[in-house]
């Protein structure tokens, strides 16, 4: 009688582990805008880390296009669900903007307003 109990417990453990370990596909899209002029900010860097470092690969950095449009795609792990996604939007002459997305797998659209740095001429 021990073998069926052991097999059942093993099955439940494997089932639990299989269902709880998943990849979270993150997708956020939108446009990056200059807060003062209302014009798009082309080639703005979008990262999951606060500071863009020289040598960062294209796997960790994505950019808005010439019209300020961005499509951020990423994969993260979530043991019991997808964690919130924090993105940092950066461009020379602007303050870094951080946005938090609680439902990054929902494919939400967003408008990001970048504030020009004082004295940047923007």
PDB file of N, CA and C in Angstrom:
ATOM      1  N   UNK A   1       0.806  -1.189   0.000  1.00  0.00           N
ATOM      2  CA  UNK A   1       0.000   0.000   0.000  1.00  0.00           C
ATOM      3  C   UNK A   1       0.857   1.264   0.000  1.00  0.00           C
ATOM      4  N   UNK A   2       2.115   1.136   0.343  1.00  0.00           N
ATOM      5  CA  UNK A   2       2.998   2.296   0.355  1.00  0.00           C
ATOM      6  C   UNK A   2       3.292   2.819  -1.049  1.00  0.00           C
ATOM      7  N   UNK A   3       3.441   1.974  -2.019  1.00  0.00           N
ATOM      8  CA  UNK A   3       3.809   2.397  -3.363  1.00  0.00           C
ATOM      9  C   UNK A   3       2.766   3.329  -3.991  1.00  0.00           C
ATOM     10  N   UNK A   4       1.478   3.032  -3.940  1.00  0.00           N
ATOM     11  CA  UNK A   4       0.515   3.967  -4.520  1.00  0.00           C
ATOM     12  C   UNK A   4       0.536   5.336  -3.823  1.00  0.00           C
ATOM     13  N   UNK A   5       0.719   5.353  -2.512  1.00  0.00           N
ATOM     14  CA  UNK A   5       0.781   6.626  -1.796  1.00  0.00           C
ATOM     15  C   UNK A   5       2.008   7.414  -2.238  1.00  0.00           C
ATOM     16  N   UNK A   6       3.166   6.752  -2.339  1.00  0.00           N
ATOM     17  CA  UNK A   6       4.387   7.405  -2.801  1.00  0.00           C
ATOM     18  C   UNK A   6       4.213   7.910  -4.231  1.00  0.00           C
ATOM     19  N   UNK A   7       3.654   7.095  -5.088  1.00  0.00           N
ATOM     20  CA  UNK A   7       3.446   7.488  -6.480  1.00  0.00           C
ATOM     21  C   UNK A   7       2.485   8.669  -6.566  1.00  0.00           C
ATOM     22  N   UNK A   8       1.444   8.658  -5.767  1.00  0.00           N
ATOM     23  CA  UNK A   8       0.468   9.749  -5.778  1.00  0.00           C
ATOM     24  C   UNK A   8       1.101  11.060  -5.305  1.00  0.00           C
ATOM     25  N   UNK A   9       1.882  10.991  -4.242  1.00  0.00           N
ATOM     26  CA  UNK A   9       2.551  12.183  -3.731  1.00  0.00           C
ATOM     27  C   UNK A   9       3.562  12.704  -4.742  1.00  0.00           C
ATOM     28  N   UNK A  10       4.305  11.813  -5.369  1.00  0.00           N
ATOM     29  CA  UNK A  10       5.259  12.211  -6.400  1.00  0.00           C
ATOM     30  C   UNK A  10       4.540  12.880  -7.563  1.00  0.00           C
ATOM     31  N   UNK A  11       3.446  12.307  -7.987  1.00  0.00           N
ATOM     32  CA  UNK A  11       2.646  12.878  -9.080  1.00  0.00           C
ATOM     33  C   UNK A  11       2.161  14.280  -8.713  1.00  0.00           C
ATOM     34  N   UNK A  12       1.652  14.449  -7.512  1.00  0.00           N
ATOM     35  CA  UNK A  12       1.174  15.771  -7.082  1.00  0.00           C
ATOM     36  C   UNK A  12       2.305  16.794  -7.036  1.00  0.00           C
ATOM     37  N   UNK A  13       3.461  16.384  -6.560  1.00  0.00           N
ATOM     38  CA  UNK A  13       4.610  17.295  -6.509  1.00  0.00           C
ATOM     39  C   UNK A  13       5.041  17.723  -7.907  1.00  0.00           C
ATOM     40  N   UNK A  14       5.133  16.765  -8.807  1.00  0.00           N
ATOM     41  CA  UNK A  14       5.513  17.088 -10.179  1.00  0.00           C
ATOM     42  C   UNK A  14       4.470  17.979 -10.846  1.00  0.00           C
ATOM     43  N   UNK A  15       3.220  17.699 -10.627  1.00  0.00           N
ATOM     44  CA  UNK A  15       2.145  18.513 -11.189  1.00  0.00           C
ATOM     45  C   UNK A  15       2.217  19.932 -10.643  1.00  0.00           C
ATOM     46  N   UNK A  16       2.395  20.070  -9.343  1.00  0.00           N
ATOM     47  CA  UNK A  16       2.492  21.387  -8.716  1.00  0.00           C
ATOM     48  C   UNK A  16       3.673  22.167  -9.264  1.00  0.00           C
ATOM     49  N   UNK A  17       4.829  21.533  -9.346  1.00  0.00           N
ATOM     50  CA  UNK A  17       6.029  22.205  -9.863  1.00  0.00           C
ATOM     51  C   UNK A  17       5.863  22.582 -11.323  1.00  0.00           C
ATOM     52  N   UNK A  18       5.259  21.714 -12.089  1.00  0.00           N
ATOM     53  CA  UNK A  18       5.049  21.995 -13.512  1.00  0.00           C
ATOM     54  C   UNK A  18       4.093  23.145 -13.749  1.00  0.00           C
ATOM     55  N   UNK A  19       3.078  23.262 -12.921  1.00  0.00           N
ATOM     56  CA  UNK A  19       2.094  24.328 -13.095  1.00  0.00           C
ATOM     57  C   UNK A  19       2.547  25.656 -12.507  1.00  0.00           C
ATOM     58  N   UNK A  20       3.403  25.621 -11.505  1.00  0.00           N
ATOM     59  CA  UNK A  20       3.794  26.857 -10.845  1.00  0.00           C
ATOM     60  C   UNK A  20       5.006  27.524 -11.492  1.00  0.00           C
ATOM     61  N   UNK A  21       5.847  26.793 -12.184  1.00  0.00           N
ATOM     62  CA  UNK A  21       7.011  27.371 -12.835  1.00  0.00           C
ATOM     63  C   UNK A  21       6.649  27.687 -14.277  1.00  0.00           C
ATOM     64  N   UNK A  22       6.656  28.976 -14.584  1.00  0.00           N
ATOM     65  CA  UNK A  22       6.290  29.350 -15.945  1.00  0.00           C
ATOM     66  C   UNK A  22       7.105  30.550 -16.374  1.00  0.00           C
ATOM     67  N   UNK A  23       7.105  30.803 -17.654  1.00  0.00           N
ATOM     68  CA  UNK A  23       7.715  32.000 -18.205  1.00  0.00           C
ATOM     69  C   UNK A  23       6.625  33.033 -18.405  1.00  0.00           C
ATOM     70  N   UNK A  24       6.951  34.258 -18.115  1.00  0.00           N
ATOM     71  CA  UNK A  24       6.014  35.356 -18.319  1.00  0.00           C
ATOM     72  C   UNK A  24       6.463  36.142 -19.542  1.00  0.00           C
ATOM     73  N   UNK A  25       5.622  36.194 -20.526  1.00  0.00           N
ATOM     74  CA  UNK A  25       5.912  36.947 -21.740  1.00  0.00           C
ATOM     75  C   UNK A  25       5.393  38.364 -21.539  1.00  0.00           C
ATOM     76  N   UNK A  26       6.329  39.321 -21.513  1.00  0.00           N
ATOM     77  CA  UNK A  26       5.988  40.710 -21.237  1.00  0.00           C
ATOM     78  C   UNK A  26       5.941  41.491 -22.547  1.00  0.00           C
ATOM     79  N   UNK A  27       4.904  42.298 -22.693  1.00  0.00           N
ATOM     80  CA  UNK A  27       4.756  43.114 -23.895  1.00  0.00           C
ATOM     81  C   UNK A  27       4.074  44.423 -23.540  1.00  0.00           C
ATOM     82  N   UNK A  28       4.774  45.509 -23.776  1.00  0.00           N
ATOM     83  CA  UNK A  28       4.227  46.851 -23.577  1.00  0.00           C
ATOM     84  C   UNK A  28       4.578  47.649 -24.825  1.00  0.00           C
ATOM     85  N   UNK A  29       3.646  48.444 -25.309  1.00  0.00           N
ATOM     86  CA  UNK A  29       3.932  49.272 -26.476  1.00  0.00           C
ATOM     87  C   UNK A  29       3.357  50.660 -26.251  1.00  0.00           C
ATOM     88  N   UNK A  30       3.834  51.621 -27.026  1.00  0.00           N
ATOM     89  CA  UNK A  30       3.346  52.983 -26.872  1.00  0.00           C
ATOM     90  C   UNK A  30       4.228  53.968 -27.593  1.00  0.00           C
ATOM     91  N   UNK A  31       4.235  55.187 -27.082  1.00  0.00           N
ATOM     92  CA  UNK A  31       4.999  56.262 -27.707  1.00  0.00           C
ATOM     93  C   UNK A  31       5.692  57.074 -26.621  1.00  0.00           C
ATOM     94  N   UNK A  32       6.919  57.552 -26.941  1.00  0.00           N
ATOM     95  CA  UNK A  32       7.695  58.394 -26.034  1.00  0.00           C
ATOM     96  C   UNK A  32       7.610  59.824 -26.558  1.00  0.00           C
ATOM     97  N   UNK A  33       7.161  60.744 -25.674  1.00  0.00           N
ATOM     98  CA  UNK A  33       6.870  62.124 -26.060  1.00  0.00           C
ATOM     99  C   UNK A  33       7.675  63.091 -25.185  1.00  0.00           C
ATOM    100  N   UNK A  34       8.141  64.193 -25.797  1.00  0.00           N
ATOM    101  CA  UNK A  34       8.753  65.293 -25.054  1.00  0.00           C
ATOM    102  C   UNK A  34       7.631  66.038 -24.327  1.00  0.00           C
ATOM    103  N   UNK A  35       7.724  66.130 -23.000  1.00  0.00           N
ATOM    104  CA  UNK A  35       6.650  66.733 -22.201  1.00  0.00           C
ATOM    105  C   UNK A  35       6.402  68.199 -22.571  1.00  0.00           C
ATOM    106  N   UNK A  36       7.445  68.945 -22.939  1.00  0.00           N
ATOM    107  CA  UNK A  36       7.276  70.366 -23.230  1.00  0.00           C
ATOM    108  C   UNK A  36       6.804  70.627 -24.652  1.00  0.00           C
ATOM    109  N   UNK A  37       7.409  69.977 -25.619  1.00  0.00           N
ATOM    110  CA  UNK A  37       7.065  70.258 -27.025  1.00  0.00           C
ATOM    111  C   UNK A  37       5.915  69.395 -27.537  1.00  0.00           C
ATOM    112  N   UNK A  38       5.677  68.255 -26.906  1.00  0.00           N
ATOM    113  CA  UNK A  38       4.649  67.335 -27.391  1.00  0.00           C
ATOM    114  C   UNK A  38       5.088  66.523 -28.596  1.00  0.00           C
ATOM    115  N   UNK A  39       6.363  66.653 -28.973  1.00  0.00           N
ATOM    116  CA  UNK A  39       6.890  65.919 -30.130  1.00  0.00           C
ATOM    117  C   UNK A  39       7.434  64.564 -29.694  1.00  0.00           C
ATOM    118  N   UNK A  40       7.435  63.580 -30.606  1.00  0.00           N
ATOM    119  CA  UNK A  40       7.991  62.265 -30.276  1.00  0.00           C
ATOM    120  C   UNK A  40       9.493  62.348 -30.003  1.00  0.00           C
ATOM    121  N   UNK A  41       9.969  61.460 -29.151  1.00  0.00           N
ATOM    122  CA  UNK A  41      11.395  61.360 -28.845  1.00  0.00           C
ATOM    123  C   UNK A  41      11.923  60.124 -29.568  1.00  0.00           C
ATOM    124  N   UNK A  42      12.689  60.336 -30.665  1.00  0.00           N
ATOM    125  CA  UNK A  42      13.212  59.177 -31.411  1.00  0.00           C
ATOM    126  C   UNK A  42      14.406  58.538 -30.719  1.00  0.00           C
ATOM    127  N   UNK A  43      14.549  57.247 -30.917  1.00  0.00           N
ATOM    128  CA  UNK A  43      15.703  56.466 -30.438  1.00  0.00           C
ATOM    129  C   UNK A  43      15.913  56.567 -28.932  1.00  0.00           C
ATOM    130  N   UNK A  44      14.825  56.609 -28.166  1.00  0.00           N
ATOM    131  CA  UNK A  44      14.931  56.568 -26.717  1.00  0.00           C
ATOM    132  C   UNK A  44      15.204  55.140 -26.268  1.00  0.00           C
ATOM    133  N   UNK A  45      16.087  54.984 -25.303  1.00  0.00           N
ATOM    134  CA  UNK A  45      16.440  53.653 -24.801  1.00  0.00           C
ATOM    135  C   UNK A  45      15.418  53.199 -23.768  1.00  0.00           C
ATOM    136  N   UNK A  46      15.026  51.930 -23.847  1.00  0.00           N
ATOM    137  CA  UNK A  46      14.093  51.336 -22.901  1.00  0.00           C
ATOM    138  C   UNK A  46      14.774  50.118 -22.299  1.00  0.00           C
ATOM    139  N   UNK A  47      14.913  50.116 -20.970  1.00  0.00           N
ATOM    140  CA  UNK A  47      15.622  49.038 -20.285  1.00  0.00           C
ATOM    141  C   UNK A  47      14.860  48.608 -19.033  1.00  0.00           C
ATOM    142  N   UNK A  48      15.262  47.468 -18.494  1.00  0.00           N
ATOM    143  CA  UNK A  48      14.730  47.008 -17.213  1.00  0.00           C
ATOM    144  C   UNK A  48      15.606  47.469 -16.056  1.00  0.00           C
ATOM    145  N   UNK A  49      16.771  48.032 -16.359  1.00  0.00           N
ATOM    146  CA  UNK A  49      17.659  48.514 -15.298  1.00  0.00           C
ATOM    147  C   UNK A  49      17.745  50.028 -15.382  1.00  0.00           C
ATOM    148  N   UNK A  50      18.000  50.645 -14.234  1.00  0.00           N
ATOM    149  CA  UNK A  50      17.931  52.101 -14.141  1.00  0.00           C
ATOM    150  C   UNK A  50      18.925  52.809 -15.047  1.00  0.00           C
ATOM    151  N   UNK A  51      20.129  52.307 -15.125  1.00  0.00           N
ATOM    152  CA  UNK A  51      21.161  53.021 -15.865  1.00  0.00           C
ATOM    153  C   UNK A  51      21.609  52.225 -17.075  1.00  0.00           C
ATOM    154  N   UNK A  52      21.587  52.869 -18.225  1.00  0.00           N
ATOM    155  CA  UNK A  52      22.073  52.262 -19.453  1.00  0.00           C
ATOM    156  C   UNK A  52      23.598  52.231 -19.397  1.00  0.00           C
ATOM    157  N   UNK A  53      24.160  51.049 -19.517  1.00  0.00           N
ATOM    158  CA  UNK A  53      25.603  50.873 -19.422  1.00  0.00           C
ATOM    159  C   UNK A  53      26.202  50.653 -20.802  1.00  0.00           C
ATOM    160  N   UNK A  54      27.406  51.197 -21.042  1.00  0.00           N
ATOM    161  CA  UNK A  54      28.078  50.902 -22.310  1.00  0.00           C
ATOM    162  C   UNK A  54      28.272  49.396 -22.457  1.00  0.00           C
ATOM    163  N   UNK A  55      28.012  48.889 -23.620  1.00  0.00           N
ATOM    164  CA  UNK A  55      28.177  47.463 -23.871  1.00  0.00           C
ATOM    165  C   UNK A  55      26.937  46.644 -23.592  1.00  0.00           C
ATOM    166  N   UNK A  56      25.848  47.269 -23.130  1.00  0.00           N
ATOM    167  CA  UNK A  56      24.595  46.529 -22.954  1.00  0.00           C
ATOM    168  C   UNK A  56      24.163  45.965 -24.300  1.00  0.00           C
ATOM    169  N   UNK A  57      23.700  44.744 -24.282  1.00  0.00           N
ATOM    170  CA  UNK A  57      23.323  44.093 -25.534  1.00  0.00           C
ATOM    171  C   UNK A  57      21.908  44.478 -25.944  1.00  0.00           C
ATOM    172  N   UNK A  58      21.569  44.185 -27.174  1.00  0.00           N
ATOM    173  CA  UNK A  58      20.225  44.466 -27.677  1.00  0.00           C
ATOM    174  C   UNK A  58      19.191  43.573 -27.011  1.00  0.00           C
ATOM    175  N   UNK A  59      19.645  42.553 -26.278  1.00  0.00           N
ATOM    176  CA  UNK A  59      18.710  41.713 -25.541  1.00  0.00           C
ATOM    177  C   UNK A  59      18.194  42.417 -24.288  1.00  0.00           C
ATOM    178  N   UNK A  60      18.972  43.386 -23.782  1.00  0.00           N
ATOM    179  CA  UNK A  60      18.560  44.093 -22.576  1.00  0.00           C
ATOM    180  C   UNK A  60      18.114  45.520 -22.848  1.00  0.00           C
ATOM    181  N   UNK A  61      18.403  46.055 -24.036  1.00  0.00           N
ATOM    182  CA  UNK A  61      18.050  47.424 -24.390  1.00  0.00           C
ATOM    183  C   UNK A  61      17.227  47.402 -25.669  1.00  0.00           C
ATOM    184  N   UNK A  62      16.115  48.117 -25.639  1.00  0.00           N
ATOM    185  CA  UNK A  62      15.318  48.300 -26.853  1.00  0.00           C
ATOM    186  C   UNK A  62      15.142  49.796 -27.046  1.00  0.00           C
ATOM    187  N   UNK A  63      14.797  50.215 -28.255  1.00  0.00           N
ATOM    188  CA  UNK A  63      14.729  51.637 -28.575  1.00  0.00           C
ATOM    189  C   UNK A  63      13.404  51.990 -29.227  1.00  0.00           C
ATOM    190  N   UNK A  64      12.983  53.242 -28.990  1.00  0.00           N
ATOM    191  CA  UNK A  64      11.832  53.744 -29.727  1.00  0.00           C
ATOM    192  C   UNK A  64      12.296  54.045 -31.159  1.00  0.00           C
ATOM    193  N   UNK A  65      11.360  54.039 -32.105  1.00  0.00           N
ATOM    194  CA  UNK A  65      11.735  54.299 -33.492  1.00  0.00           C
ATOM    195  C   UNK A  65      11.794  55.805 -33.749  1.00  0.00           C
ATOM    196  N   UNK A  66      11.932  56.195 -35.012  1.00  0.00           N
ATOM    197  CA  UNK A  66      12.082  57.615 -35.355  1.00  0.00           C
ATOM    198  C   UNK A  66      10.838  58.431 -35.010  1.00  0.00           C
ATOM    199  N   UNK A  67       9.699  57.786 -34.850  1.00  0.00           N
ATOM    200  CA  UNK A  67       8.474  58.470 -34.458  1.00  0.00           C
ATOM    201  C   UNK A  67       8.164  58.358 -32.975  1.00  0.00           C
ATOM    202  N   UNK A  68       9.127  57.839 -32.185  1.00  0.00           N
ATOM    203  CA  UNK A  68       8.932  57.695 -30.747  1.00  0.00           C
ATOM    204  C   UNK A  68       8.159  56.443 -30.342  1.00  0.00           C
ATOM    205  N   UNK A  69       7.755  55.626 -31.323  1.00  0.00           N
ATOM    206  CA  UNK A  69       6.977  54.415 -31.044  1.00  0.00           C
ATOM    207  C   UNK A  69       7.900  53.328 -30.496  1.00  0.00           C
ATOM    208  N   UNK A  70       7.422  52.633 -29.461  1.00  0.00           N
ATOM    209  CA  UNK A  70       8.205  51.519 -28.923  1.00  0.00           C
ATOM    210  C   UNK A  70       7.324  50.283 -28.756  1.00  0.00           C
ATOM    211  N   UNK A  71       7.949  49.130 -28.887  1.00  0.00           N
ATOM    212  CA  UNK A  71       7.351  47.817 -28.638  1.00  0.00           C
ATOM    213  C   UNK A  71       8.349  47.060 -27.779  1.00  0.00           C
ATOM    214  N   UNK A  72       8.081  46.948 -26.493  1.00  0.00           N
ATOM    215  CA  UNK A  72       9.004  46.269 -25.597  1.00  0.00           C
ATOM    216  C   UNK A  72       8.536  44.838 -25.377  1.00  0.00           C
ATOM    217  N   UNK A  73       9.409  43.890 -25.701  1.00  0.00           N
ATOM    218  CA  UNK A  73       9.136  42.466 -25.523  1.00  0.00           C
ATOM    219  C   UNK A  73      10.204  41.894 -24.603  1.00  0.00           C
ATOM    220  N   UNK A  74       9.792  41.036 -23.689  1.00  0.00           N
ATOM    221  CA  UNK A  74      10.738  40.416 -22.775  1.00  0.00           C
ATOM    222  C   UNK A  74      10.113  39.145 -22.201  1.00  0.00           C
ATOM    223  N   UNK A  75      10.948  38.322 -21.612  1.00  0.00           N
ATOM    224  CA  UNK A  75      10.485  37.119 -20.929  1.00  0.00           C
ATOM    225  C   UNK A  75      11.086  37.133 -19.534  1.00  0.00           C
ATOM    226  N   UNK A  76      10.244  36.878 -18.538  1.00  0.00           N
ATOM    227  CA  UNK A  76      10.751  36.760 -17.170  1.00  0.00           C
ATOM    228  C   UNK A  76      10.121  35.524 -16.546  1.00  0.00           C
ATOM    229  N   UNK A  77      10.677  35.093 -15.465  1.00  0.00           N
ATOM    230  CA  UNK A  77      10.138  33.930 -14.766  1.00  0.00           C
ATOM    231  C   UNK A  77       9.227  34.356 -13.639  1.00  0.00           C
ATOM    232  N   UNK A  78       8.255  33.540 -13.382  1.00  0.00           N
ATOM    233  CA  UNK A  78       7.350  33.817 -12.281  1.00  0.00           C
ATOM    234  C   UNK A  78       6.905  32.520 -11.647  1.00  0.00           C
ATOM    235  N   UNK A  79       7.300  32.295 -10.400  1.00  0.00           N
ATOM    236  CA  UNK A  79       6.971  31.034  -9.746  1.00  0.00           C
ATOM    237  C   UNK A  79       5.478  30.893  -9.493  1.00  0.00           C
ATOM    238  N   UNK A  80       4.841  31.941  -9.001  1.00  0.00           N
ATOM    239  CA  UNK A  80       3.404  31.883  -8.725  1.00  0.00           C
ATOM    240  C   UNK A  80       2.672  33.008  -9.441  1.00  0.00           C
ATOM    241  N   UNK A  81       3.072  33.301 -10.645  1.00  0.00           N
ATOM    242  CA  UNK A  81       2.460  34.373 -11.414  1.00  0.00           C
ATOM    243  C   UNK A  81       3.531  35.319 -11.930  1.00  0.00           C
ATOM    244  N   UNK A  82       3.139  36.176 -12.813  1.00  0.00           N
ATOM    245  CA  UNK A  82       4.086  37.106 -13.426  1.00  0.00           C
ATOM    246  C   UNK A  82       4.364  38.281 -12.495  1.00  0.00           C
ATOM    247  N   UNK A  83       5.641  38.611 -12.315  1.00  0.00           N
ATOM    248  CA  UNK A  83       5.975  39.756 -11.470  1.00  0.00           C
ATOM    249  C   UNK A  83       5.696  41.062 -12.224  1.00  0.00           C
ATOM    250  N   UNK A  84       5.552  42.175 -11.496  1.00  0.00           N
ATOM    251  CA  UNK A  84       5.394  43.464 -12.176  1.00  0.00           C
ATOM    252  C   UNK A  84       6.639  43.777 -13.003  1.00  0.00           C
ATOM    253  N   UNK A  85       6.454  44.535 -14.045  1.00  0.00           N
ATOM    254  CA  UNK A  85       7.549  44.932 -14.931  1.00  0.00           C
ATOM    255  C   UNK A  85       7.858  46.399 -14.690  1.00  0.00           C
ATOM    256  N   UNK A  86       9.128  46.715 -14.439  1.00  0.00           N
ATOM    257  CA  UNK A  86       9.567  48.102 -14.317  1.00  0.00           C
ATOM    258  C   UNK A  86      10.422  48.424 -15.517  1.00  0.00           C
ATOM    259  N   UNK A  87      10.048  49.467 -16.247  1.00  0.00           N
ATOM    260  CA  UNK A  87      10.825  49.905 -17.402  1.00  0.00           C
ATOM    261  C   UNK A  87      11.332  51.313 -17.173  1.00  0.00           C
ATOM    262  N   UNK A  88      12.545  51.556 -17.654  1.00  0.00           N
ATOM    263  CA  UNK A  88      13.170  52.869 -17.581  1.00  0.00           C
ATOM    264  C   UNK A  88      13.331  53.399 -18.990  1.00  0.00           C
ATOM    265  N   UNK A  89      12.875  54.628 -19.195  1.00  0.00           N
ATOM    266  CA  UNK A  89      12.929  55.274 -20.503  1.00  0.00           C
ATOM    267  C   UNK A  89      13.976  56.378 -20.411  1.00  0.00           C
ATOM    268  N   UNK A  90      14.993  56.300 -21.298  1.00  0.00           N
ATOM    269  CA  UNK A  90      16.146  57.192 -21.210  1.00  0.00           C
ATOM    270  C   UNK A  90      16.495  57.774 -22.569  1.00  0.00           C
ATOM    271  N   UNK A  91      16.953  59.019 -22.550  1.00  0.00           N
ATOM    272  CA  UNK A  91      17.453  59.668 -23.762  1.00  0.00           C
ATOM    273  C   UNK A  91      18.331  60.824 -23.321  1.00  0.00           C
ATOM    274  N   UNK A  92      19.400  61.092 -24.068  1.00  0.00           N
ATOM    275  CA  UNK A  92      20.277  62.220 -23.738  1.00  0.00           C
ATOM    276  C   UNK A  92      19.460  63.504 -23.690  1.00  0.00           C
ATOM    277  N   UNK A  93      19.687  64.303 -22.658  1.00  0.00           N
ATOM    278  CA  UNK A  93      19.003  65.580 -22.516  1.00  0.00           C
ATOM    279  C   UNK A  93      17.663  65.496 -21.794  1.00  0.00           C
ATOM    280  N   UNK A  94      17.304  64.283 -21.314  1.00  0.00           N
ATOM    281  CA  UNK A  94      16.028  64.095 -20.620  1.00  0.00           C
ATOM    282  C   UNK A  94      16.248  63.376 -19.302  1.00  0.00           C
ATOM    283  N   UNK A  95      15.352  63.642 -18.341  1.00  0.00           N
ATOM    284  CA  UNK A  95      15.357  62.886 -17.104  1.00  0.00           C
ATOM    285  C   UNK A  95      14.843  61.482 -17.389  1.00  0.00           C
ATOM    286  N   UNK A  96      15.417  60.489 -16.731  1.00  0.00           N
ATOM    287  CA  UNK A  96      14.965  59.112 -16.882  1.00  0.00           C
ATOM    288  C   UNK A  96      13.574  58.971 -16.275  1.00  0.00           C
ATOM    289  N   UNK A  97      12.686  58.325 -17.004  1.00  0.00           N
ATOM    290  CA  UNK A  97      11.327  58.072 -16.513  1.00  0.00           C
ATOM    291  C   UNK A  97      11.182  56.587 -16.220  1.00  0.00           C
ATOM    292  N   UNK A  98      10.604  56.257 -15.053  1.00  0.00           N
ATOM    293  CA  UNK A  98      10.354  54.864 -14.700  1.00  0.00           C
ATOM    294  C   UNK A  98       8.846  54.634 -14.689  1.00  0.00           C
ATOM    295  N   UNK A  99       8.438  53.535 -15.311  1.00  0.00           N
ATOM    296  CA  UNK A  99       7.029  53.142 -15.291  1.00  0.00           C
ATOM    297  C   UNK A  99       6.923  51.701 -14.845  1.00  0.00           C
ATOM    298  N   UNK A 100       5.923  51.431 -14.023  1.00  0.00           N
ATOM    299  CA  UNK A 100       5.686  50.080 -13.502  1.00  0.00           C
ATOM    300  C   UNK A 100       4.389  49.549 -14.116  1.00  0.00           C
ATOM    301  N   UNK A 101       4.474  48.323 -14.606  1.00  0.00           N
ATOM    302  CA  UNK A 101       3.320  47.678 -15.228  1.00  0.00           C
ATOM    303  C   UNK A 101       2.997  46.415 -14.440  1.00  0.00           C
ATOM    304  N   UNK A 102       1.827  46.391 -13.826  1.00  0.00           N
ATOM    305  CA  UNK A 102       1.419  45.222 -13.054  1.00  0.00           C
ATOM    306  C   UNK A 102       0.903  44.104 -13.948  1.00  0.00           C
ATOM    307  N   UNK A 103       0.497  44.437 -15.146  1.00  0.00           N
ATOM    308  CA  UNK A 103      -0.041  43.439 -16.078  1.00  0.00           C
ATOM    309  C   UNK A 103       0.684  43.562 -17.414  1.00  0.00           C
ATOM    310  N   UNK A 104       1.995  43.331 -17.391  1.00  0.00           N
ATOM    311  CA  UNK A 104       2.801  43.508 -18.601  1.00  0.00           C
ATOM    312  C   UNK A 104       2.457  42.492 -19.688  1.00  0.00           C
ATOM    313  N   UNK A 105       1.865  41.359 -19.293  1.00  0.00           N
ATOM    314  CA  UNK A 105       1.510  40.354 -20.294  1.00  0.00           C
ATOM    315  C   UNK A 105       0.192  40.704 -20.989  1.00  0.00           C
ATOM    316  N   UNK A 106      -0.431  41.803 -20.576  1.00  0.00           N
ATOM    317  CA  UNK A 106      -1.723  42.196 -21.162  1.00  0.00           C
ATOM    318  C   UNK A 106      -1.558  42.946 -22.475  1.00  0.00           C
ATOM    319  N   UNK A 107      -0.324  43.322 -22.839  1.00  0.00           N
ATOM    320  CA  UNK A 107      -0.107  44.030 -24.098  1.00  0.00           C
ATOM    321  C   UNK A 107      -0.625  45.460 -24.058  1.00  0.00           C
ATOM    322  N   UNK A 108      -0.441  46.119 -22.926  1.00  0.00           N
ATOM    323  CA  UNK A 108      -1.009  47.450 -22.780  1.00  0.00           C
ATOM    324  C   UNK A 108      -0.247  48.514 -23.560  1.00  0.00           C
ATOM    325  N   UNK A 109      -0.976  49.562 -23.944  1.00  0.00           N
ATOM    326  CA  UNK A 109      -0.391  50.711 -24.634  1.00  0.00           C
ATOM    327  C   UNK A 109      -0.170  51.819 -23.611  1.00  0.00           C
ATOM    328  N   UNK A 110       0.887  52.594 -23.803  1.00  0.00           N
ATOM    329  CA  UNK A 110       1.203  53.647 -22.853  1.00  0.00           C
ATOM    330  C   UNK A 110       1.836  54.822 -23.585  1.00  0.00           C
ATOM    331  N   UNK A 111       1.663  55.998 -23.027  1.00  0.00           N
ATOM    332  CA  UNK A 111       2.347  57.195 -23.501  1.00  0.00           C
ATOM    333  C   UNK A 111       3.306  57.619 -22.402  1.00  0.00           C
ATOM    334  N   UNK A 112       4.580  57.732 -22.765  1.00  0.00           N
ATOM    335  CA  UNK A 112       5.632  58.094 -21.821  1.00  0.00           C
ATOM    336  C   UNK A 112       6.046  59.528 -22.109  1.00  0.00           C
ATOM    337  N   UNK A 113       5.984  60.368 -21.091  1.00  0.00           N
ATOM    338  CA  UNK A 113       6.409  61.765 -21.237  1.00  0.00           C
ATOM    339  C   UNK A 113       7.754  61.938 -20.584  1.00  0.00           C
ATOM    340  N   UNK A 114       8.755  62.335 -21.394  1.00  0.00           N
ATOM    341  CA  UNK A 114      10.091  62.596 -20.867  1.00  0.00           C
ATOM    342  C   UNK A 114      10.240  64.086 -20.604  1.00  0.00           C
ATOM    343  N   UNK A 115      10.796  64.394 -19.432  1.00  0.00           N
ATOM    344  CA  UNK A 115      11.009  65.770 -19.006  1.00  0.00           C
ATOM    345  C   UNK A 115      12.416  66.191 -19.423  1.00  0.00           C
ATOM    346  N   UNK A 116      12.541  67.287 -20.227  1.00  0.00           N
ATOM    347  CA  UNK A 116      13.890  67.750 -20.605  1.00  0.00           C
ATOM    348  C   UNK A 116      14.683  68.181 -19.369  1.00  0.00           C
ATOM    349  N   UNK A 117      15.981  67.918 -19.393  1.00  0.00           N
ATOM    350  CA  UNK A 117      16.849  68.380 -18.312  1.00  0.00           C
ATOM    351  C   UNK A 117      17.013  69.888 -18.411  1.00  0.00           C
ATOM    352  N   UNK A 118      17.108  70.566 -17.275  1.00  0.00           N
ATOM    353  CA  UNK A 118      17.339  72.021 -17.321  1.00  0.00           C
ATOM    354  C   UNK A 118      18.631  72.333 -18.064  1.00  0.00           C
ATOM    355  N   UNK A 119      18.582  73.312 -18.928  1.00  0.00           N
ATOM    356  CA  UNK A 119      19.758  73.724 -19.676  1.00  0.00           C
ATOM    357  C   UNK A 119      20.115  72.817 -20.833  1.00  0.00           C
ATOM    358  N   UNK A 120      19.259  71.839 -21.158  1.00  0.00           N
ATOM    359  CA  UNK A 120      19.581  70.915 -22.260  1.00  0.00           C
ATOM    360  C   UNK A 120      19.203  71.494 -23.611  1.00  0.00           C
ATOM    361  N   UNK A 121      18.446  72.587 -23.625  1.00  0.00           N
ATOM    362  CA  UNK A 121      18.060  73.192 -24.898  1.00  0.00           C
ATOM    363  C   UNK A 121      16.919  72.459 -25.569  1.00  0.00           C
ATOM    364  N   UNK A 122      16.277  71.569 -24.868  1.00  0.00           N
ATOM    365  CA  UNK A 122      15.142  70.810 -25.451  1.00  0.00           C
ATOM    366  C   UNK A 122      13.849  71.404 -25.005  1.00  0.00           C
TER     367      UNK A 122
END
